[in-house]
Each structure stands twice: as C-alpha cells, then as structure tokens.
C-alpha cells in the first residue's frame, strides 16, 4: 500500500473514531441531561438548530480558507483546521444529545 493510500485510510479511520466517540459520549450524557434540564419540545428544537448552526459555521468557515493555501503551514490555516474540528465535534455532540433528549411532554 502506498503512502498516499495509508494517509487516506488513516484520515478515514480517525474521522470514524471522532464521530463514534462523540455519538457514544452523547448517548451517555443525554439520559442524565434529560433529567436535569427538563426541556420542552420547542426548546429541544432550538438545541437541535443550534447544533446544526455549529456544524454549518464550521464547514462554511473552513471553506473560506481555501483561497489562502500555503500548504497548511501558517498559523491561520492550522487554527482554521482546529476550529473546524472543534465546531464540527461540538455541533455533532449537541445534535446527537438533542436527538436523544426527551421533552418534558413525553416523560
């Protein structure tokens, strides 16, 4: 296997682990938050929309750096990559928790 394929496979496995860990953590946290927060279905919609907004912000913000390509070596590009991952993971976590939470009306 060439180095290029190893790199691609490594990135795919890393992404899978990040998503899997985030969703598993959300599945652990959601039942506890359900008992603490007592959100209505309308409030849960706002949690879900906020999560979607975080993912969109991360994705759209990431695409803005494409025109400043220096091979990912300058501080701006490294910050952009880290910010994208942070927003994406936080958005995914909030979205997963929002989908697993039960509203007050259904408890």
N, C-alpha and C. Protein backbone atom coordinates (compact mmCIF):
# COMPACT_ATOMS: atom_id res chain seq x y z
N UNK A 1 0.85 -1.17 0.00
CA UNK A 1 0.00 0.00 0.00
C UNK A 1 0.90 1.24 0.00
N UNK A 2 0.58 2.18 -0.86
CA UNK A 2 1.39 3.39 -0.97
C UNK A 2 1.15 4.32 0.21
N UNK A 3 2.06 5.27 0.39
CA UNK A 3 1.93 6.24 1.49
C UNK A 3 0.66 7.08 1.36
N UNK A 4 0.28 7.39 0.12
CA UNK A 4 -0.93 8.18 -0.12
C UNK A 4 -2.17 7.45 0.36
N UNK A 5 -2.26 6.17 0.06
CA UNK A 5 -3.42 5.39 0.50
C UNK A 5 -3.42 5.21 2.01
N UNK A 6 -2.25 5.03 2.60
CA UNK A 6 -2.17 4.92 4.07
C UNK A 6 -2.66 6.21 4.73
N UNK A 7 -2.28 7.33 4.15
CA UNK A 7 -2.72 8.62 4.69
C UNK A 7 -4.23 8.76 4.60
N UNK A 8 -4.80 8.41 3.45
CA UNK A 8 -6.26 8.49 3.27
C UNK A 8 -6.97 7.55 4.24
N UNK A 9 -6.49 6.32 4.32
CA UNK A 9 -7.11 5.35 5.22
C UNK A 9 -7.01 5.81 6.67
N UNK A 10 -5.87 6.37 7.05
CA UNK A 10 -5.70 6.88 8.40
C UNK A 10 -6.68 8.01 8.71
N UNK A 11 -6.87 8.91 7.74
CA UNK A 11 -7.82 10.02 7.93
C UNK A 11 -9.25 9.49 8.06
N UNK A 12 -9.61 8.50 7.27
CA UNK A 12 -10.96 7.92 7.34
C UNK A 12 -11.18 7.25 8.70
N UNK A 13 -10.19 6.50 9.16
CA UNK A 13 -10.32 5.82 10.45
C UNK A 13 -10.39 6.86 11.58
N UNK A 14 -9.56 7.90 11.51
CA UNK A 14 -9.59 8.96 12.53
C UNK A 14 -10.95 9.64 12.57
N UNK A 15 -11.50 9.96 11.40
CA UNK A 15 -12.82 10.60 11.35
C UNK A 15 -13.89 9.68 11.94
N UNK A 16 -13.84 8.40 11.62
CA UNK A 16 -14.80 7.44 12.17
C UNK A 16 -14.70 7.39 13.69
N UNK A 17 -13.48 7.37 14.21
CA UNK A 17 -13.30 7.32 15.66
C UNK A 17 -13.80 8.59 16.34
N UNK A 18 -13.57 9.74 15.72
CA UNK A 18 -14.06 11.00 16.28
C UNK A 18 -15.58 11.00 16.33
N UNK A 19 -16.21 10.63 15.23
CA UNK A 19 -17.68 10.61 15.17
C UNK A 19 -18.24 9.57 16.14
N UNK A 20 -17.68 8.37 16.13
CA UNK A 20 -18.16 7.30 17.01
C UNK A 20 -18.03 7.66 18.48
N UNK A 21 -16.89 8.22 18.86
CA UNK A 21 -16.68 8.63 20.25
C UNK A 21 -17.63 9.74 20.65
N UNK A 22 -17.83 10.71 19.75
CA UNK A 22 -18.72 11.83 20.05
C UNK A 22 -20.16 11.35 20.25
N UNK A 23 -20.63 10.49 19.38
CA UNK A 23 -22.00 9.97 19.49
C UNK A 23 -22.15 9.08 20.73
N UNK A 24 -21.13 8.27 21.02
CA UNK A 24 -21.19 7.41 22.21
C UNK A 24 -21.23 8.26 23.48
N UNK A 25 -20.42 9.31 23.52
CA UNK A 25 -20.43 10.22 24.67
C UNK A 25 -21.79 10.91 24.81
N UNK A 26 -22.37 11.30 23.69
CA UNK A 26 -23.69 11.92 23.72
C UNK A 26 -24.74 10.94 24.25
N UNK A 27 -24.63 9.67 23.89
CA UNK A 27 -25.57 8.66 24.36
C UNK A 27 -25.46 8.45 25.86
N UNK A 28 -24.26 8.66 26.40
CA UNK A 28 -24.05 8.53 27.84
C UNK A 28 -24.57 9.76 28.57
N UNK A 29 -24.34 10.94 28.00
CA UNK A 29 -24.68 12.21 28.65
C UNK A 29 -26.19 12.52 28.54
N UNK A 30 -26.82 12.16 27.44
CA UNK A 30 -28.22 12.54 27.18
C UNK A 30 -29.20 12.11 28.28
N UNK A 31 -29.15 10.87 28.76
CA UNK A 31 -30.12 10.50 29.81
C UNK A 31 -29.98 11.34 31.08
N UNK A 32 -28.76 11.66 31.44
CA UNK A 32 -28.53 12.49 32.63
C UNK A 32 -29.08 13.90 32.41
N UNK A 33 -28.79 14.46 31.23
CA UNK A 33 -29.28 15.81 30.93
C UNK A 33 -30.80 15.86 30.83
N UNK A 34 -31.40 14.78 30.37
CA UNK A 34 -32.86 14.73 30.26
C UNK A 34 -33.51 14.95 31.62
N UNK A 35 -32.93 14.36 32.65
CA UNK A 35 -33.48 14.52 33.99
C UNK A 35 -33.19 15.88 34.60
N UNK A 36 -32.08 16.48 34.20
CA UNK A 36 -31.68 17.76 34.79
C UNK A 36 -32.34 18.95 34.10
N UNK A 37 -32.34 18.95 32.78
CA UNK A 37 -32.75 20.14 32.03
C UNK A 37 -34.26 20.33 31.92
N UNK A 38 -35.02 19.26 31.77
CA UNK A 38 -36.47 19.36 31.64
C UNK A 38 -36.88 20.33 30.54
N UNK A 39 -36.44 20.07 29.32
CA UNK A 39 -36.73 20.95 28.18
C UNK A 39 -38.05 20.60 27.52
N UNK A 40 -38.74 21.60 27.05
CA UNK A 40 -39.96 21.37 26.28
C UNK A 40 -39.56 21.01 24.86
N UNK A 41 -40.51 20.54 24.08
CA UNK A 41 -40.20 20.17 22.69
C UNK A 41 -39.76 21.40 21.88
N UNK A 42 -40.32 22.56 22.18
CA UNK A 42 -39.90 23.78 21.48
C UNK A 42 -38.45 24.12 21.82
N UNK A 43 -38.06 23.96 23.08
CA UNK A 43 -36.68 24.24 23.47
C UNK A 43 -35.72 23.23 22.85
N UNK A 44 -36.15 21.99 22.74
CA UNK A 44 -35.31 20.98 22.09
C UNK A 44 -35.06 21.32 20.63
N UNK A 45 -36.05 21.90 19.97
CA UNK A 45 -35.85 22.31 18.58
C UNK A 45 -34.74 23.34 18.48
N UNK A 46 -34.66 24.26 19.46
CA UNK A 46 -33.61 25.27 19.45
C UNK A 46 -32.24 24.65 19.71
N UNK A 47 -32.17 23.63 20.56
CA UNK A 47 -30.91 22.91 20.78
C UNK A 47 -30.45 22.28 19.48
N UNK A 48 -31.37 21.64 18.78
CA UNK A 48 -31.04 20.98 17.52
C UNK A 48 -30.64 21.98 16.44
N UNK A 49 -31.35 23.10 16.38
CA UNK A 49 -30.99 24.14 15.41
C UNK A 49 -29.62 24.74 15.73
N UNK A 50 -29.34 24.93 17.01
CA UNK A 50 -28.02 25.43 17.41
C UNK A 50 -26.90 24.47 17.00
N UNK A 51 -27.16 23.18 17.17
CA UNK A 51 -26.17 22.17 16.77
C UNK A 51 -25.94 22.21 15.26
N UNK A 52 -27.01 22.32 14.51
CA UNK A 52 -26.90 22.42 13.06
C UNK A 52 -26.13 23.68 12.67
N UNK A 53 -26.39 24.77 13.38
CA UNK A 53 -25.68 26.02 13.12
C UNK A 53 -24.19 25.90 13.38
N UNK A 54 -23.80 25.18 14.44
CA UNK A 54 -22.37 24.99 14.73
C UNK A 54 -21.67 24.22 13.63
N UNK A 55 -22.32 23.15 13.16
CA UNK A 55 -21.74 22.36 12.08
C UNK A 55 -21.63 23.20 10.81
N UNK A 56 -22.68 23.94 10.49
CA UNK A 56 -22.65 24.80 9.30
C UNK A 56 -21.58 25.87 9.43
N UNK A 57 -21.45 26.48 10.61
CA UNK A 57 -20.44 27.51 10.84
C UNK A 57 -19.04 26.93 10.62
N UNK A 58 -18.81 25.75 11.16
CA UNK A 58 -17.51 25.11 10.99
C UNK A 58 -17.21 24.79 9.53
N UNK A 59 -18.18 24.23 8.84
CA UNK A 59 -17.98 23.85 7.44
C UNK A 59 -17.81 25.08 6.55
N UNK A 60 -18.69 26.06 6.71
CA UNK A 60 -18.59 27.24 5.87
C UNK A 60 -17.37 28.09 6.22
N UNK A 61 -17.01 28.15 7.49
CA UNK A 61 -15.81 28.87 7.88
C UNK A 61 -14.56 28.22 7.34
N UNK A 62 -14.56 26.92 7.28
CA UNK A 62 -13.41 26.17 6.75
C UNK A 62 -13.22 26.45 5.28
N UNK A 63 -14.28 26.56 4.54
CA UNK A 63 -14.15 26.77 3.09
C UNK A 63 -13.60 28.16 2.78
N UNK A 64 -13.69 29.09 3.71
CA UNK A 64 -13.16 30.42 3.48
C UNK A 64 -11.65 30.48 3.40
N UNK A 65 -10.96 29.47 3.94
CA UNK A 65 -9.50 29.48 3.95
C UNK A 65 -8.91 28.86 2.69
N UNK A 66 -9.71 28.31 1.83
CA UNK A 66 -9.18 27.64 0.65
C UNK A 66 -8.37 28.58 -0.23
N UNK A 67 -8.72 29.84 -0.25
CA UNK A 67 -8.01 30.77 -1.12
C UNK A 67 -6.65 31.16 -0.55
N UNK A 68 -6.40 30.87 0.72
CA UNK A 68 -5.13 31.23 1.35
C UNK A 68 -4.28 29.99 1.56
N UNK A 69 -4.07 29.24 0.53
CA UNK A 69 -3.38 27.97 0.66
C UNK A 69 -1.86 28.15 0.65
N UNK A 70 -1.26 27.82 1.78
CA UNK A 70 0.19 27.79 1.90
C UNK A 70 0.62 26.40 2.33
N UNK A 71 -0.18 25.43 1.99
CA UNK A 71 0.14 24.06 2.35
C UNK A 71 -0.18 23.72 3.79
N UNK A 72 -1.03 24.52 4.43
CA UNK A 72 -1.44 24.23 5.80
C UNK A 72 -0.37 24.53 6.83
N UNK A 73 0.62 25.32 6.47
CA UNK A 73 1.76 25.54 7.36
C UNK A 73 1.69 26.82 8.18
N UNK A 74 0.88 27.78 7.78
CA UNK A 74 0.87 29.02 8.56
C UNK A 74 -0.11 28.92 9.73
N UNK A 75 0.04 29.78 10.73
CA UNK A 75 -0.82 29.71 11.92
C UNK A 75 -2.31 29.85 11.61
N UNK A 76 -2.65 30.67 10.62
CA UNK A 76 -4.06 30.86 10.27
C UNK A 76 -4.69 29.57 9.77
N UNK A 77 -3.98 28.86 8.94
CA UNK A 77 -4.53 27.61 8.41
C UNK A 77 -4.60 26.53 9.49
N UNK A 78 -3.62 26.46 10.35
CA UNK A 78 -3.67 25.48 11.44
C UNK A 78 -4.82 25.80 12.40
N UNK A 79 -5.02 27.09 12.71
CA UNK A 79 -6.14 27.49 13.56
C UNK A 79 -7.46 27.15 12.89
N UNK A 80 -7.56 27.42 11.59
CA UNK A 80 -8.79 27.14 10.85
C UNK A 80 -9.13 25.66 10.90
N UNK A 81 -8.13 24.81 10.74
CA UNK A 81 -8.37 23.36 10.79
C UNK A 81 -8.83 22.92 12.17
N UNK A 82 -8.19 23.43 13.22
CA UNK A 82 -8.58 23.07 14.59
C UNK A 82 -9.97 23.61 14.93
N UNK A 83 -10.27 24.83 14.49
CA UNK A 83 -11.57 25.45 14.74
C UNK A 83 -12.67 24.65 14.05
N UNK A 84 -12.42 24.22 12.82
CA UNK A 84 -13.38 23.41 12.07
C UNK A 84 -13.69 22.12 12.84
N UNK A 85 -12.65 21.44 13.28
CA UNK A 85 -12.85 20.17 14.00
C UNK A 85 -13.61 20.43 15.30
N UNK A 86 -13.25 21.47 16.02
CA UNK A 86 -13.91 21.78 17.30
C UNK A 86 -15.40 22.08 17.08
N UNK A 87 -15.72 22.92 16.10
CA UNK A 87 -17.13 23.24 15.85
C UNK A 87 -17.90 22.02 15.35
N UNK A 88 -17.26 21.24 14.50
CA UNK A 88 -17.93 20.06 13.96
C UNK A 88 -18.23 19.06 15.07
N UNK A 89 -17.26 18.79 15.93
CA UNK A 89 -17.45 17.83 17.03
C UNK A 89 -18.48 18.37 18.03
N UNK A 90 -18.37 19.65 18.39
CA UNK A 90 -19.34 20.23 19.32
C UNK A 90 -20.75 20.22 18.73
N UNK A 91 -20.86 20.57 17.46
CA UNK A 91 -22.16 20.53 16.79
C UNK A 91 -22.72 19.13 16.71
N UNK A 92 -21.87 18.17 16.38
CA UNK A 92 -22.31 16.77 16.32
C UNK A 92 -22.75 16.29 17.69
N UNK A 93 -21.99 16.63 18.72
CA UNK A 93 -22.35 16.24 20.09
C UNK A 93 -23.69 16.84 20.49
N UNK A 94 -23.85 18.14 20.28
CA UNK A 94 -25.11 18.80 20.66
C UNK A 94 -26.28 18.25 19.84
N UNK A 95 -26.03 17.98 18.57
CA UNK A 95 -27.09 17.42 17.73
C UNK A 95 -27.49 16.03 18.20
N UNK A 96 -26.50 15.20 18.52
CA UNK A 96 -26.80 13.85 19.00
C UNK A 96 -27.52 13.89 20.34
N UNK A 97 -27.06 14.75 21.24
CA UNK A 97 -27.73 14.89 22.54
C UNK A 97 -29.16 15.40 22.32
N UNK A 98 -29.31 16.40 21.45
CA UNK A 98 -30.64 16.96 21.16
C UNK A 98 -31.59 15.92 20.61
N UNK A 99 -31.07 15.01 19.81
CA UNK A 99 -31.94 13.96 19.26
C UNK A 99 -32.29 12.90 20.31
N UNK A 100 -31.41 12.71 21.29
CA UNK A 100 -31.64 11.68 22.30
C UNK A 100 -32.41 12.20 23.52
N UNK A 101 -32.45 13.51 23.71
CA UNK A 101 -33.19 14.06 24.86
C UNK A 101 -34.69 13.87 24.67
N UNK A 102 -35.35 13.68 25.77
CA UNK A 102 -36.79 13.61 25.73
C UNK A 102 -37.36 14.91 26.28
N UNK A 103 -38.41 15.38 25.64
CA UNK A 103 -39.03 16.62 26.12
C UNK A 103 -39.86 16.33 27.36
N UNK A 104 -40.18 17.37 28.08
CA UNK A 104 -40.98 17.24 29.31
C UNK A 104 -42.31 16.59 29.01
N UNK A 105 -42.89 16.90 27.84
CA UNK A 105 -44.21 16.39 27.48
C UNK A 105 -44.22 14.87 27.30
N UNK A 106 -43.06 14.28 26.93
CA UNK A 106 -43.03 12.85 26.66
C UNK A 106 -42.49 12.02 27.81
N UNK A 107 -42.08 12.67 28.90
CA UNK A 107 -41.53 11.90 30.02
C UNK A 107 -42.64 11.39 30.92
